[in-house]
C-alpha cells in the first residue's frame, strides 16, 4: 500500500516540470513579441529593386529605340518616405518622376525609360539605377543589350606634315567601339628617315566619332623630300592607310648645300682652266 503514494508523487513531479516548461516557452514568446512590438519605426529598411523580384533590370532593343521598365520601391516603415531616383550607364535613363513619396507600409512602382541613341554600338552595356532616401542609397544593376550587326571600320584622314609633327584624323566608320593603334613610316630620297612600329593610342572611338591627333617628329631631315605613311589598325577592322608628301629645307642646310655647290663649281672651273692652259702649252711646244 506504500507504492501508490510514491507513484502519485512522481506523476505530480513530472506534471509540474511540464507545466514549468510550457510556462517558460510562453514567457519567452511573450518577451519576443514585446520586443518586436517595441521596435522603433523604420527598423526595417526600405528597398528598391526591379519589378517582379528580378535580380537586375534587363532591357533589349535596337539602336534608336526607347526601352521601358519599372522600379519597385517598398517602404515597410510607419512613416512616409521620400525617395530620389537617378540613373546612368550605357544610355540615358529617365523616370516618370525623379522624386517619389512612398506612404508607410506601401510599395510604389515607378516606370523608367532608357533611350538607346542611334549611334549606340551593338552589344552589351551596363548601367545603374540609384534610389536615395533617409541617408541611404540603393543601387540596381541595369543591363542593356543593343541588337544589330557589329561592324568594325576605321579610316585615317587629313594627314599634314608640319615642322616637328604629323597631324591626322581618325574616324570610326563602323558600329562598334574601337581602340586604335598607329604606325608611322617616312621615306626620303636616300631611304627611310622615320620608322615607328604600331602602338596603342590612349583613346577609344565610338561609332561616328572623330579624333584629331598629332604625332611628334622632333628630328625631321634638314634637307629632303619625304613621303609620310600612317597605318591605323583596330581589333576586327581592316588596316587603314593614308600618306602625305613633305619637303624639308632648313637655312643651315641650304647654306651648306650652296657652299658645296659653289665649291663644286669652282673646282670644275679650275679644272677647266688647267685643261685649257695645258692645251695651249702643248700647242706652243709643237710650233717650229
C-alpha atoms as a PDB file:
ATOM      1  CA  UNK A   1       0.000   0.000   0.000  1.00  0.00           C
ATOM      2  CA  UNK A   2       3.071   2.221   0.175  1.00  0.00           C
ATOM      3  CA  UNK A   3       3.660   2.081  -3.607  1.00  0.00           C
ATOM      4  CA  UNK A   4       0.658   4.173  -4.577  1.00  0.00           C
ATOM      5  CA  UNK A   5       1.733   7.331  -2.757  1.00  0.00           C
ATOM      6  CA  UNK A   6       5.231   7.168  -4.276  1.00  0.00           C
ATOM      7  CA  UNK A   7       3.758   6.801  -7.816  1.00  0.00           C
ATOM      8  CA  UNK A   8       1.480   9.734  -7.171  1.00  0.00           C
ATOM      9  CA  UNK A   9       4.388  11.891  -6.075  1.00  0.00           C
ATOM     10  CA  UNK A  10       6.415  11.013  -9.239  1.00  0.00           C
ATOM     11  CA  UNK A  11       3.470  11.773 -11.543  1.00  0.00           C
ATOM     12  CA  UNK A  12       2.898  15.089  -9.822  1.00  0.00           C
ATOM     13  CA  UNK A  13       6.611  15.993 -10.229  1.00  0.00           C
ATOM     14  CA  UNK A  14       6.629  15.235 -13.958  1.00  0.00           C
ATOM     15  CA  UNK A  15       3.436  17.193 -14.456  1.00  0.00           C
ATOM     16  CA  UNK A  16       4.951  20.150 -12.622  1.00  0.00           C
ATOM     17  CA  UNK A  17       8.073  20.106 -14.820  1.00  0.00           C
ATOM     18  CA  UNK A  18       5.974  20.068 -17.997  1.00  0.00           C
ATOM     19  CA  UNK A  19       3.897  22.921 -16.717  1.00  0.00           C
ATOM     20  CA  UNK A  20       7.020  24.936 -15.896  1.00  0.00           C
ATOM     21  CA  UNK A  21       8.497  24.276 -19.372  1.00  0.00           C
ATOM     22  CA  UNK A  22       5.292  25.389 -21.042  1.00  0.00           C
ATOM     23  CA  UNK A  23       5.256  28.478 -18.878  1.00  0.00           C
ATOM     24  CA  UNK A  24       8.860  29.289 -19.872  1.00  0.00           C
ATOM     25  CA  UNK A  25       8.067  28.989 -23.606  1.00  0.00           C
ATOM     26  CA  UNK A  26       5.046  31.192 -23.191  1.00  0.00           C
ATOM     27  CA  UNK A  27       7.117  33.754 -21.309  1.00  0.00           C
ATOM     28  CA  UNK A  28       9.870  33.718 -23.989  1.00  0.00           C
ATOM     29  CA  UNK A  29       7.327  34.084 -26.779  1.00  0.00           C
ATOM     30  CA  UNK A  30       5.658  36.914 -24.889  1.00  0.00           C
ATOM     31  CA  UNK A  31       9.007  38.663 -24.452  1.00  0.00           C
ATOM     32  CA  UNK A  32       9.879  38.230 -28.164  1.00  0.00           C
ATOM     33  CA  UNK A  33       6.547  39.620 -29.237  1.00  0.00           C
ATOM     34  CA  UNK A  34       7.026  42.508 -26.871  1.00  0.00           C
ATOM     35  CA  UNK A  35      10.464  43.254 -28.404  1.00  0.00           C
ATOM     36  CA  UNK A  36       9.013  43.196 -31.917  1.00  0.00           C
ATOM     37  CA  UNK A  37       6.161  45.433 -30.924  1.00  0.00           C
ATOM     38  CA  UNK A  38       8.592  47.829 -29.263  1.00  0.00           C
ATOM     39  CA  UNK A  39      10.906  48.025 -32.336  1.00  0.00           C
ATOM     40  CA  UNK A  40      11.322  51.646 -33.417  1.00  0.00           C
ATOM     41  CA  UNK A  41       9.737  52.824 -36.672  1.00  0.00           C
ATOM     42  CA  UNK A  42      11.987  52.396 -39.691  1.00  0.00           C
ATOM     43  CA  UNK A  43      13.873  49.449 -38.170  1.00  0.00           C
ATOM     44  CA  UNK A  44      13.006  47.566 -41.340  1.00  0.00           C
ATOM     45  CA  UNK A  45      14.993  49.171 -44.162  1.00  0.00           C
ATOM     46  CA  UNK A  46      13.249  50.339 -47.308  1.00  0.00           C
ATOM     47  CA  UNK A  47      14.148  48.534 -50.529  1.00  0.00           C
ATOM     48  CA  UNK A  48      14.420  49.269 -54.243  1.00  0.00           C
ATOM     49  CA  UNK A  49      14.519  46.542 -56.881  1.00  0.00           C
ATOM     50  CA  UNK A  50      13.339  45.755 -60.401  1.00  0.00           C
ATOM     51  CA  UNK A  51       9.671  44.851 -60.582  1.00  0.00           C
ATOM     52  CA  UNK A  52       8.642  41.198 -60.256  1.00  0.00           C
ATOM     53  CA  UNK A  53      11.556  40.414 -57.951  1.00  0.00           C
ATOM     54  CA  UNK A  54      14.238  40.241 -60.661  1.00  0.00           C
ATOM     55  CA  UNK A  55      17.889  40.483 -59.562  1.00  0.00           C
ATOM     56  CA  UNK A  56      18.626  43.223 -62.113  1.00  0.00           C
ATOM     57  CA  UNK A  57      16.879  45.257 -64.794  1.00  0.00           C
ATOM     58  CA  UNK A  58      17.354  43.837 -68.286  1.00  0.00           C
ATOM     59  CA  UNK A  59      16.391  45.644 -71.482  1.00  0.00           C
ATOM     60  CA  UNK A  60      16.976  44.700 -75.104  1.00  0.00           C
ATOM     61  CA  UNK A  61      16.342  46.539 -78.362  1.00  0.00           C
ATOM     62  CA  UNK A  62      17.924  48.127 -81.439  1.00  0.00           C
ATOM     63  CA  UNK A  63      19.753  51.440 -81.607  1.00  0.00           C
ATOM     64  CA  UNK A  64      17.395  54.407 -81.895  1.00  0.00           C
ATOM     65  CA  UNK A  65      14.701  52.903 -79.641  1.00  0.00           C
ATOM     66  CA  UNK A  66      13.247  53.741 -76.213  1.00  0.00           C
ATOM     67  CA  UNK A  67      13.040  50.793 -73.790  1.00  0.00           C
ATOM     68  CA  UNK A  68      10.896  50.772 -70.635  1.00  0.00           C
ATOM     69  CA  UNK A  69      10.989  49.017 -67.261  1.00  0.00           C
ATOM     70  CA  UNK A  70       9.717  49.534 -63.700  1.00  0.00           C
ATOM     71  CA  UNK A  71      11.482  50.047 -60.368  1.00  0.00           C
ATOM     72  CA  UNK A  72       9.680  48.959 -57.191  1.00  0.00           C
ATOM     73  CA  UNK A  73      10.347  50.973 -54.020  1.00  0.00           C
ATOM     74  CA  UNK A  74       8.977  49.403 -50.825  1.00  0.00           C
ATOM     75  CA  UNK A  75       8.560  51.329 -47.567  1.00  0.00           C
ATOM     76  CA  UNK A  76       7.881  48.918 -44.647  1.00  0.00           C
ATOM     77  CA  UNK A  77       8.156  51.688 -42.043  1.00  0.00           C
ATOM     78  CA  UNK A  78       5.444  53.578 -40.241  1.00  0.00           C
ATOM     79  CA  UNK A  79       6.244  56.972 -41.753  1.00  0.00           C
ATOM     80  CA  UNK A  80       6.187  58.232 -45.363  1.00  0.00           C
ATOM     81  CA  UNK A  81       9.463  58.056 -47.273  1.00  0.00           C
ATOM     82  CA  UNK A  82      10.712  60.465 -49.936  1.00  0.00           C
ATOM     83  CA  UNK A  83      12.957  58.734 -52.484  1.00  0.00           C
ATOM     84  CA  UNK A  84      15.109  60.419 -55.132  1.00  0.00           C
ATOM     85  CA  UNK A  85      15.806  58.440 -58.334  1.00  0.00           C
ATOM     86  CA  UNK A  86      18.737  58.802 -60.730  1.00  0.00           C
ATOM     87  CA  UNK A  87      20.253  56.654 -63.442  1.00  0.00           C
ATOM     88  CA  UNK A  88      23.369  56.384 -65.526  1.00  0.00           C
ATOM     89  CA  UNK A  89      25.003  53.864 -67.819  1.00  0.00           C
ATOM     90  CA  UNK A  90      25.371  52.936 -71.440  1.00  0.00           C
ATOM     91  CA  UNK A  91      22.313  55.045 -72.407  1.00  0.00           C
ATOM     92  CA  UNK A  92      20.319  57.958 -70.900  1.00  0.00           C
ATOM     93  CA  UNK A  93      17.852  56.934 -68.161  1.00  0.00           C
ATOM     94  CA  UNK A  94      14.703  58.953 -67.417  1.00  0.00           C
ATOM     95  CA  UNK A  95      11.977  58.430 -64.780  1.00  0.00           C
ATOM     96  CA  UNK A  96       8.283  59.217 -64.676  1.00  0.00           C
ATOM     97  CA  UNK A  97       9.180  61.190 -61.520  1.00  0.00           C
ATOM     98  CA  UNK A  98      12.626  61.977 -60.129  1.00  0.00           C
ATOM     99  CA  UNK A  99      11.262  62.247 -56.574  1.00  0.00           C
ATOM    100  CA  UNK A 100       8.678  59.802 -55.234  1.00  0.00           C
ATOM    101  CA  UNK A 101       6.868  59.943 -51.875  1.00  0.00           C
ATOM    102  CA  UNK A 102       6.070  56.415 -50.692  1.00  0.00           C
ATOM    103  CA  UNK A 103       3.462  56.127 -47.893  1.00  0.00           C
ATOM    104  CA  UNK A 104       4.089  53.884 -44.875  1.00  0.00           C
ATOM    105  CA  UNK A 105       3.822  50.132 -45.491  1.00  0.00           C
ATOM    106  CA  UNK A 106       3.402  50.735 -49.217  1.00  0.00           C
ATOM    107  CA  UNK A 107       5.180  49.792 -52.426  1.00  0.00           C
ATOM    108  CA  UNK A 108       5.495  52.293 -55.267  1.00  0.00           C
ATOM    109  CA  UNK A 109       6.171  51.085 -58.819  1.00  0.00           C
ATOM    110  CA  UNK A 110       7.991  53.808 -60.759  1.00  0.00           C
ATOM    111  CA  UNK A 111       8.320  53.444 -64.559  1.00  0.00           C
ATOM    112  CA  UNK A 112      11.586  54.466 -66.182  1.00  0.00           C
ATOM    113  CA  UNK A 113      12.851  54.553 -69.771  1.00  0.00           C
ATOM    114  CA  UNK A 114      16.240  54.010 -71.383  1.00  0.00           C
ATOM    115  CA  UNK A 115      16.862  55.906 -74.623  1.00  0.00           C
ATOM    116  CA  UNK A 116      19.156  53.976 -76.954  1.00  0.00           C
ATOM    117  CA  UNK A 117      20.658  56.611 -79.235  1.00  0.00           C
ATOM    118  CA  UNK A 118      21.192  55.903 -82.923  1.00  0.00           C
ATOM    119  CA  UNK A 119      24.980  55.786 -82.514  1.00  0.00           C
ATOM    120  CA  UNK A 120      24.922  53.262 -79.647  1.00  0.00           C
ATOM    121  CA  UNK A 121      27.022  50.279 -80.775  1.00  0.00           C
ATOM    122  CA  UNK A 122      25.514  46.779 -80.710  1.00  0.00           C
ATOM    123  CA  UNK A 123      26.410  44.550 -77.785  1.00  0.00           C
ATOM    124  CA  UNK A 124      26.185  44.517 -74.001  1.00  0.00           C
ATOM    125  CA  UNK A 125      26.116  47.762 -71.995  1.00  0.00           C
ATOM    126  CA  UNK A 126      25.967  48.265 -68.235  1.00  0.00           C
ATOM    127  CA  UNK A 127      24.369  50.967 -66.163  1.00  0.00           C
ATOM    128  CA  UNK A 128      22.988  51.706 -62.704  1.00  0.00           C
ATOM    129  CA  UNK A 129      19.684  52.941 -61.307  1.00  0.00           C
ATOM    130  CA  UNK A 130      20.056  54.662 -57.926  1.00  0.00           C
ATOM    131  CA  UNK A 131      17.444  55.262 -55.233  1.00  0.00           C
ATOM    132  CA  UNK A 132      18.357  57.572 -52.328  1.00  0.00           C
ATOM    133  CA  UNK A 133      16.380  58.216 -49.122  1.00  0.00           C
ATOM    134  CA  UNK A 134      16.944  58.673 -45.392  1.00  0.00           C
ATOM    135  CA  UNK A 135      20.715  58.908 -45.783  1.00  0.00           C
ATOM    136  CA  UNK A 136      20.992  55.622 -47.662  1.00  0.00           C
ATOM    137  CA  UNK A 137      21.444  54.729 -51.339  1.00  0.00           C
ATOM    138  CA  UNK A 138      20.397  51.532 -53.112  1.00  0.00           C
ATOM    139  CA  UNK A 139      21.907  50.687 -56.488  1.00  0.00           C
ATOM    140  CA  UNK A 140      20.144  48.491 -59.014  1.00  0.00           C
ATOM    141  CA  UNK A 141      22.169  46.900 -61.797  1.00  0.00           C
ATOM    142  CA  UNK A 142      20.962  47.824 -65.294  1.00  0.00           C
ATOM    143  CA  UNK A 143      21.918  45.590 -68.211  1.00  0.00           C
ATOM    144  CA  UNK A 144      21.225  46.726 -71.744  1.00  0.00           C
ATOM    145  CA  UNK A 145      21.638  44.668 -74.881  1.00  0.00           C
ATOM    146  CA  UNK A 146      21.594  46.586 -78.156  1.00  0.00           C
ATOM    147  CA  UNK A 147      20.824  44.414 -81.156  1.00  0.00           C
ATOM    148  CA  UNK A 148      22.166  44.894 -84.656  1.00  0.00           C
ATOM    149  CA  UNK A 149      25.135  43.912 -86.836  1.00  0.00           C
ATOM    150  CA  UNK A 150      28.630  44.543 -85.500  1.00  0.00           C
ATOM    151  CA  UNK A 151      30.965  46.260 -87.959  1.00  0.00           C
ATOM    152  CA  UNK A 152      34.478  47.496 -87.170  1.00  0.00           C
ATOM    153  CA  UNK A 153      35.725  50.118 -89.650  1.00  0.00           C
ATOM    154  CA  UNK A 154      38.438  52.764 -89.230  1.00  0.00           C
ATOM    155  CA  UNK A 155      39.874  55.439 -91.552  1.00  0.00           C
ATOM    156  CA  UNK A 156      42.814  57.875 -91.406  1.00  0.00           C
ATOM    157  CA  UNK A 157      42.146  61.283 -92.925  1.00  0.00           C
ATOM    158  CA  UNK A 158      43.550  64.838 -93.279  1.00  0.00           C
ATOM    159  CA  UNK A 159      47.233  63.980 -92.908  1.00  0.00           C
ATOM    160  CA  UNK A 160      49.525  67.052 -92.796  1.00  0.00           C
ATOM    161  CA  UNK A 161      53.248  67.256 -92.115  1.00  0.00           C
ATOM    162  CA  UNK A 162      54.300  70.378 -90.220  1.00  0.00           C
ATOM    163  CA  UNK A 163      57.524  71.437 -88.606  1.00  0.00           C
ATOM    164  CA  UNK A 164      58.183  68.842 -85.927  1.00  0.00           C
ATOM    165  CA  UNK A 165      54.842  66.993 -86.130  1.00  0.00           C
ATOM    166  CA  UNK A 166      52.438  64.971 -88.261  1.00  0.00           C
ATOM    167  CA  UNK A 167      48.742  65.845 -87.865  1.00  0.00           C
ATOM    168  CA  UNK A 168      45.971  63.400 -88.761  1.00  0.00           C
ATOM    169  CA  UNK A 169      42.362  62.471 -88.009  1.00  0.00           C
ATOM    170  CA  UNK A 170      40.994  59.038 -87.084  1.00  0.00           C
ATOM    171  CA  UNK A 171      37.326  58.306 -87.883  1.00  0.00           C
ATOM    172  CA  UNK A 172      35.239  55.373 -86.638  1.00  0.00           C
ATOM    173  CA  UNK A 173      33.115  54.375 -89.646  1.00  0.00           C
ATOM    174  CA  UNK A 174      31.652  51.236 -88.050  1.00  0.00           C
ATOM    175  CA  UNK A 175      29.135  50.278 -85.364  1.00  0.00           C
ATOM    176  CA  UNK A 176      31.488  49.150 -82.583  1.00  0.00           C
ATOM    177  CA  UNK A 177      33.777  50.974 -80.176  1.00  0.00           C
ATOM    178  CA  UNK A 178      37.380  50.926 -81.422  1.00  0.00           C
ATOM    179  CA  UNK A 179      40.739  51.073 -79.643  1.00  0.00           C
ATOM    180  CA  UNK A 180      43.135  52.081 -82.450  1.00  0.00           C
ATOM    181  CA  UNK A 181      46.885  51.648 -82.863  1.00  0.00           C
ATOM    182  CA  UNK A 182      49.138  53.678 -85.183  1.00  0.00           C
ATOM    183  CA  UNK A 183      52.345  53.025 -87.136  1.00  0.00           C
ATOM    184  CA  UNK A 184      54.332  55.792 -88.881  1.00  0.00           C
ATOM    185  CA  UNK A 185      56.922  55.472 -91.654  1.00  0.00           C
ATOM    186  CA  UNK A 186      58.632  58.141 -93.774  1.00  0.00           C
ATOM    187  CA  UNK A 187      60.746  57.529 -96.899  1.00  0.00           C
ATOM    188  CA  UNK A 188      63.192  60.138 -98.221  1.00  0.00           C
ATOM    189  CA  UNK A 189      65.330  60.404-101.352  1.00  0.00           C
ATOM    190  CA  UNK A 190      68.087  58.352 -99.762  1.00  0.00           C
ATOM    191  CA  UNK A 191      65.956  55.849 -97.824  1.00  0.00           C
ATOM    192  CA  UNK A 192      63.885  55.535 -94.623  1.00  0.00           C
ATOM    193  CA  UNK A 193      64.066  58.562 -92.318  1.00  0.00           C
ATOM    194  CA  UNK A 194      61.334  57.548 -89.807  1.00  0.00           C
ATOM    195  CA  UNK A 195      60.055  54.114 -88.792  1.00  0.00           C
ATOM    196  CA  UNK A 196      57.749  53.752 -85.753  1.00  0.00           C
ATOM    197  CA  UNK A 197      56.011  50.381 -85.359  1.00  0.00           C
ATOM    198  CA  UNK A 198      52.340  50.164 -84.421  1.00  0.00           C
ATOM    199  CA  UNK A 199      51.500  51.122 -80.841  1.00  0.00           C
ATOM    200  CA  UNK A 200      48.218  51.545 -78.993  1.00  0.00           C
ATOM    201  CA  UNK A 201      46.867  55.085 -78.784  1.00  0.00           C
ATOM    202  CA  UNK A 202      45.409  56.410 -75.491  1.00  0.00           C
ATOM    203  CA  UNK A 203      41.844  56.772 -76.773  1.00  0.00           C
ATOM    204  CA  UNK A 204      38.710  54.915 -77.817  1.00  0.00           C
ATOM    205  CA  UNK A 205      36.363  55.899 -80.627  1.00  0.00           C
ATOM    206  CA  UNK A 206      32.605  55.413 -80.507  1.00  0.00           C
ATOM    207  CA  UNK A 207      30.717  54.855 -83.773  1.00  0.00           C
ATOM    208  CA  UNK A 208      30.855  58.016 -85.899  1.00  0.00           C
ATOM    209  CA  UNK A 209      33.368  59.692 -83.592  1.00  0.00           C
ATOM    210  CA  UNK A 210      36.408  61.580 -84.946  1.00  0.00           C
ATOM    211  CA  UNK A 211      39.679  62.343 -83.184  1.00  0.00           C
ATOM    212  CA  UNK A 212      42.357  64.727 -84.496  1.00  0.00           C
ATOM    213  CA  UNK A 213      45.795  63.921 -83.139  1.00  0.00           C
ATOM    214  CA  UNK A 214      49.422  64.983 -83.526  1.00  0.00           C
ATOM    215  CA  UNK A 215      52.346  62.609 -83.913  1.00  0.00           C
ATOM    216  CA  UNK A 216      55.584  64.307 -82.754  1.00  0.00           C
ATOM    217  CA  UNK A 217      58.552  64.326 -85.164  1.00  0.00           C
ATOM    218  CA  UNK A 218      61.174  66.450 -83.442  1.00  0.00           C
ATOM    219  CA  UNK A 219      64.093  65.464 -85.699  1.00  0.00           C
ATOM    220  CA  UNK A 220      62.959  65.524 -89.352  1.00  0.00           C
ATOM    221  CA  UNK A 221      65.629  65.642 -92.077  1.00  0.00           C
ATOM    222  CA  UNK A 222      67.209  69.044 -92.675  1.00  0.00           C
ATOM    223  CA  UNK A 223      67.090  68.742 -96.442  1.00  0.00           C
ATOM    224  CA  UNK A 224      64.972  66.075 -98.111  1.00  0.00           C
ATOM    225  CA  UNK A 225      61.722  65.288 -99.892  1.00  0.00           C
ATOM    226  CA  UNK A 226      59.769  62.626 -97.978  1.00  0.00           C
ATOM    227  CA  UNK A 227      56.578  60.581 -98.163  1.00  0.00           C
ATOM    228  CA  UNK A 228      54.959  60.017 -94.748  1.00  0.00           C
ATOM    229  CA  UNK A 229      52.710  56.980 -94.436  1.00  0.00           C
ATOM    230  CA  UNK A 230      50.346  56.372 -91.496  1.00  0.00           C
ATOM    231  CA  UNK A 231      48.746  52.970 -90.859  1.00  0.00           C
ATOM    232  CA  UNK A 232      45.962  52.693 -88.258  1.00  0.00           C
ATOM    233  CA  UNK A 233      44.624  49.357 -87.006  1.00  0.00           C
ATOM    234  CA  UNK A 234      41.954  48.230 -84.519  1.00  0.00           C
ATOM    235  CA  UNK A 235      40.707  44.785 -83.451  1.00  0.00           C
ATOM    236  CA  UNK A 236      38.311  43.442 -86.072  1.00  0.00           C
ATOM    237  CA  UNK A 237      38.902  46.291 -88.528  1.00  0.00           C
ATOM    238  CA  UNK A 238      40.921  46.284 -91.738  1.00  0.00           C
ATOM    239  CA  UNK A 239      44.131  48.392 -91.645  1.00  0.00           C
ATOM    240  CA  UNK A 240      43.610  51.989 -92.748  1.00  0.00           C
ATOM    241  CA  UNK A 241      46.423  53.855 -94.540  1.00  0.00           C
ATOM    242  CA  UNK A 242      46.960  57.469 -95.563  1.00  0.00           C
ATOM    243  CA  UNK A 243      50.023  59.376 -96.786  1.00  0.00           C
ATOM    244  CA  UNK A 244      51.305  62.902 -97.285  1.00  0.00           C
ATOM    245  CA  UNK A 245      54.277  64.471 -99.097  1.00  0.00           C
ATOM    246  CA  UNK A 246      56.627  66.981 -97.493  1.00  0.00           C
ATOM    247  CA  UNK A 247      59.839  68.810 -98.381  1.00  0.00           C
ATOM    248  CA  UNK A 248      62.367  69.891 -95.756  1.00  0.00           C
ATOM    249  CA  UNK A 249      64.946  72.637 -96.358  1.00  0.00           C
ATOM    250  CA  UNK A 250      66.385  74.371 -93.305  1.00  0.00           C
ATOM    251  CA  UNK A 251      68.558  77.540 -93.500  1.00  0.00           C
ATOM    252  CA  UNK A 252      71.819  75.911 -92.354  1.00  0.00           C
ATOM    253  CA  UNK A 253      71.268  73.007 -94.723  1.00  0.00           C
ATOM    254  CA  UNK A 254      70.678  75.375 -97.622  1.00  0.00           C
ATOM    255  CA  UNK A 255      73.788  77.383 -96.739  1.00  0.00           C
ATOM    256  CA  UNK A 256      75.884  74.258 -96.569  1.00  0.00           C
ATOM    257  CA  UNK A 257      74.479  72.958 -99.821  1.00  0.00           C
ATOM    258  CA  UNK A 258      75.125  76.292-101.527  1.00  0.00           C
ATOM    259  CA  UNK A 259      78.700  76.196-100.285  1.00  0.00           C
ATOM    260  CA  UNK A 260      79.144  72.690-101.641  1.00  0.00           C
ATOM    261  CA  UNK A 261      77.686  73.726-104.972  1.00  0.00           C
ATOM    262  CA  UNK A 262      79.939  76.770-105.154  1.00  0.00           C
ATOM    263  CA  UNK A 263      82.933  74.658-104.253  1.00  0.00           C
ATOM    264  CA  UNK A 264      81.985  72.111-106.894  1.00  0.00           C
ATOM    265  CA  UNK A 265      81.522  74.864-109.493  1.00  0.00           C
ATOM    266  CA  UNK A 266      84.820  76.473-108.530  1.00  0.00           C
ATOM    267  CA  UNK A 267      86.606  73.153-108.709  1.00  0.00           C
ATOM    268  CA  UNK A 268      85.133  72.429-112.105  1.00  0.00           C
ATOM    269  CA  UNK A 269      86.184  75.876-113.361  1.00  0.00           C
ATOM    270  CA  UNK A 270      89.690  75.433-112.008  1.00  0.00           C
ATOM    271  CA  UNK A 271      89.952  72.046-113.698  1.00  0.00           C
ATOM    272  CA  UNK A 272      88.715  73.523-116.966  1.00  0.00           C
ATOM    273  CA  UNK A 273      91.244  76.336-116.776  1.00  0.00           C
ATOM    274  CA  UNK A 274      94.003  73.861-116.103  1.00  0.00           C
ATOM    275  CA  UNK A 275      92.962  71.822-119.116  1.00  0.00           C
ATOM    276  CA  UNK A 276      92.889  74.896-121.345  1.00  0.00           C
ATOM    277  CA  UNK A 277      96.302  76.066-120.109  1.00  0.00           C
ATOM    278  CA  UNK A 278      97.759  72.632-120.739  1.00  0.00           C
ATOM    279  CA  UNK A 279      96.335  72.609-124.236  1.00  0.00           C
ATOM    280  CA  UNK A 280      97.900  75.991-125.024  1.00  0.00           C
ATOM    281  CA  UNK A 281     101.285  74.833-123.726  1.00  0.00           C
ATOM    282  CA  UNK A 282     101.152  71.764-125.904  1.00  0.00           C
ATOM    283  CA  UNK A 283     100.288  73.817-128.979  1.00  0.00           C
ATOM    284  CA  UNK A 284     103.127  76.270-128.263  1.00  0.00           C
ATOM    285  CA  UNK A 285     105.660  73.467-127.895  1.00  0.00           C
ATOM    286  CA  UNK A 286     104.614  71.966-131.192  1.00  0.00           C
ATOM    287  CA  UNK A 287     105.180  75.269-133.198  1.00  0.00           C
ATOM    288  CA  UNK A 288     108.611  75.222-135.213  1.00  0.00           C
END
